[in-house]
Amino acid sequence: MPTGETIGEAGQTRTATLPNLHHEVRVGGRLIDPLNEELPISTEVFDTAEAANSLEERRAGFATVRRDET
């Protein structure tokens, strides 16, 4: 998913007393029902080493933030 892509909107409409969420799933620009349609499978190759490195970097960052908060 591209960074900054809108994945949902929250707000109030008409006489709603609480905010509601509008969520759509589109494939190729076409609105689909994800519960009744088979979703496409990604053809991207998942690089487990890159994912592990990214996870460790994020964990280290969170640990630093938590340490600074105490």
C-alpha atoms as a PDB file:
ATOM      1  CA  MET A   1       0.000   0.000   0.000  1.00  0.00           C
ATOM      2  CA  PRO A   2       1.487   3.375  -0.950  1.00  0.00           C
ATOM      3  CA  THR A   3       2.375   5.706   1.911  1.00  0.00           C
ATOM      4  CA  GLY A   4      -0.313   8.287   2.522  1.00  0.00           C
ATOM      5  CA  GLU A   5      -3.082   6.300   0.814  1.00  0.00           C
ATOM      6  CA  THR A   6      -6.478   6.868   2.435  1.00  0.00           C
ATOM      7  CA  ILE A   7      -7.809   3.586   3.826  1.00  0.00           C
ATOM      8  CA  GLY A   8     -10.897   4.904   5.603  1.00  0.00           C
ATOM      9  CA  GLU A   9     -12.752   7.992   6.741  1.00  0.00           C
ATOM     10  CA  ALA A  10     -14.463   8.693  10.033  1.00  0.00           C
ATOM     11  CA  GLY A  11     -17.183  11.252  10.578  1.00  0.00           C
ATOM     12  CA  GLN A  12     -20.812  11.927  11.386  1.00  0.00           C
ATOM     13  CA  THR A  13     -23.648  11.988   8.886  1.00  0.00           C
ATOM     14  CA  ARG A  14     -27.217  13.218   9.209  1.00  0.00           C
ATOM     15  CA  THR A  15     -28.562  12.431  12.673  1.00  0.00           C
ATOM     16  CA  ALA A  16     -25.778  10.112  13.808  1.00  0.00           C
ATOM     17  CA  THR A  17     -24.969  10.533  17.498  1.00  0.00           C
ATOM     18  CA  LEU A  18     -21.506   9.002  17.218  1.00  0.00           C
ATOM     19  CA  PRO A  19     -18.814   9.047  14.524  1.00  0.00           C
ATOM     20  CA  ASN A  20     -18.991   6.230  11.977  1.00  0.00           C
ATOM     21  CA  LEU A  21     -16.388   4.690   9.691  1.00  0.00           C
ATOM     22  CA  HIS A  22     -16.579   4.408   5.925  1.00  0.00           C
ATOM     23  CA  HIS A  23     -14.303   1.718   4.502  1.00  0.00           C
ATOM     24  CA  GLU A  24     -14.011   0.506   0.908  1.00  0.00           C
ATOM     25  CA  VAL A  25     -11.937  -2.176  -0.761  1.00  0.00           C
ATOM     26  CA  ARG A  26     -10.983  -1.534  -4.372  1.00  0.00           C
ATOM     27  CA  VAL A  27      -9.040  -3.758  -6.735  1.00  0.00           C
ATOM     28  CA  GLY A  28      -7.899  -2.138  -9.946  1.00  0.00           C
ATOM     29  CA  GLY A  29     -10.122   0.846  -9.150  1.00  0.00           C
ATOM     30  CA  ARG A  30     -13.220  -1.373  -8.918  1.00  0.00           C
ATOM     31  CA  LEU A  31     -15.180  -1.497  -5.667  1.00  0.00           C
ATOM     32  CA  ILE A  32     -15.432  -5.084  -4.363  1.00  0.00           C
ATOM     33  CA  ASP A  33     -17.005  -6.923  -1.432  1.00  0.00           C
ATOM     34  CA  PRO A  34     -13.978  -8.621   0.217  1.00  0.00           C
ATOM     35  CA  LEU A  35     -16.237 -11.136   1.982  1.00  0.00           C
ATOM     36  CA  ASN A  36     -17.740 -12.460  -1.254  1.00  0.00           C
ATOM     37  CA  GLU A  37     -14.902 -12.138  -3.739  1.00  0.00           C
ATOM     38  CA  GLU A  38     -11.566 -13.879  -3.954  1.00  0.00           C
ATOM     39  CA  LEU A  39      -8.823 -11.318  -3.458  1.00  0.00           C
ATOM     40  CA  PRO A  40      -5.751 -11.239  -5.693  1.00  0.00           C
ATOM     41  CA  ILE A  41      -2.552 -12.753  -4.394  1.00  0.00           C
ATOM     42  CA  SER A  42       0.521 -10.531  -4.377  1.00  0.00           C
ATOM     43  CA  THR A  43       3.285 -11.531  -6.765  1.00  0.00           C
ATOM     44  CA  GLU A  44       5.896  -9.593  -4.793  1.00  0.00           C
ATOM     45  CA  VAL A  45       8.708 -11.677  -3.344  1.00  0.00           C
ATOM     46  CA  PHE A  46       8.817 -11.289   0.429  1.00  0.00           C
ATOM     47  CA  ASP A  47      12.365 -10.656   1.628  1.00  0.00           C
ATOM     48  CA  THR A  48      12.427 -12.197   5.125  1.00  0.00           C
ATOM     49  CA  ALA A  49      15.916 -10.856   5.920  1.00  0.00           C
ATOM     50  CA  GLU A  50      14.835  -7.300   5.080  1.00  0.00           C
ATOM     51  CA  ALA A  51      11.658  -7.721   7.135  1.00  0.00           C
ATOM     52  CA  ALA A  52      13.651  -9.038  10.113  1.00  0.00           C
ATOM     53  CA  ASN A  53      16.061  -6.087   9.916  1.00  0.00           C
ATOM     54  CA  SER A  54      13.177  -3.620   9.723  1.00  0.00           C
ATOM     55  CA  LEU A  55      11.486  -5.268  12.713  1.00  0.00           C
ATOM     56  CA  GLU A  56      14.661  -5.075  14.797  1.00  0.00           C
ATOM     57  CA  GLU A  57      15.127  -1.389  13.892  1.00  0.00           C
ATOM     58  CA  ARG A  58      11.549  -0.638  14.959  1.00  0.00           C
ATOM     59  CA  ARG A  59      11.939  -2.602  18.195  1.00  0.00           C
ATOM     60  CA  ALA A  60      15.111  -0.665  19.008  1.00  0.00           C
ATOM     61  CA  GLY A  61      13.311   2.605  18.280  1.00  0.00           C
ATOM     62  CA  PHE A  62      10.376   1.691  20.525  1.00  0.00           C
ATOM     63  CA  ALA A  63      12.753   0.593  23.286  1.00  0.00           C
ATOM     64  CA  THR A  64      14.504   3.975  23.077  1.00  0.00           C
ATOM     65  CA  VAL A  65      11.213   5.861  23.295  1.00  0.00           C
ATOM     66  CA  ARG A  66      10.027   3.769  26.253  1.00  0.00           C
ATOM     67  CA  ARG A  67      13.371   4.236  28.033  1.00  0.00           C
ATOM     68  CA  ASP A  68      13.182   8.020  27.478  1.00  0.00           C
ATOM     69  CA  GLU A  69       9.608   8.138  28.855  1.00  0.00           C
ATOM     70  CA  THR A  70      10.584   6.629  32.214  1.00  0.00           C
END
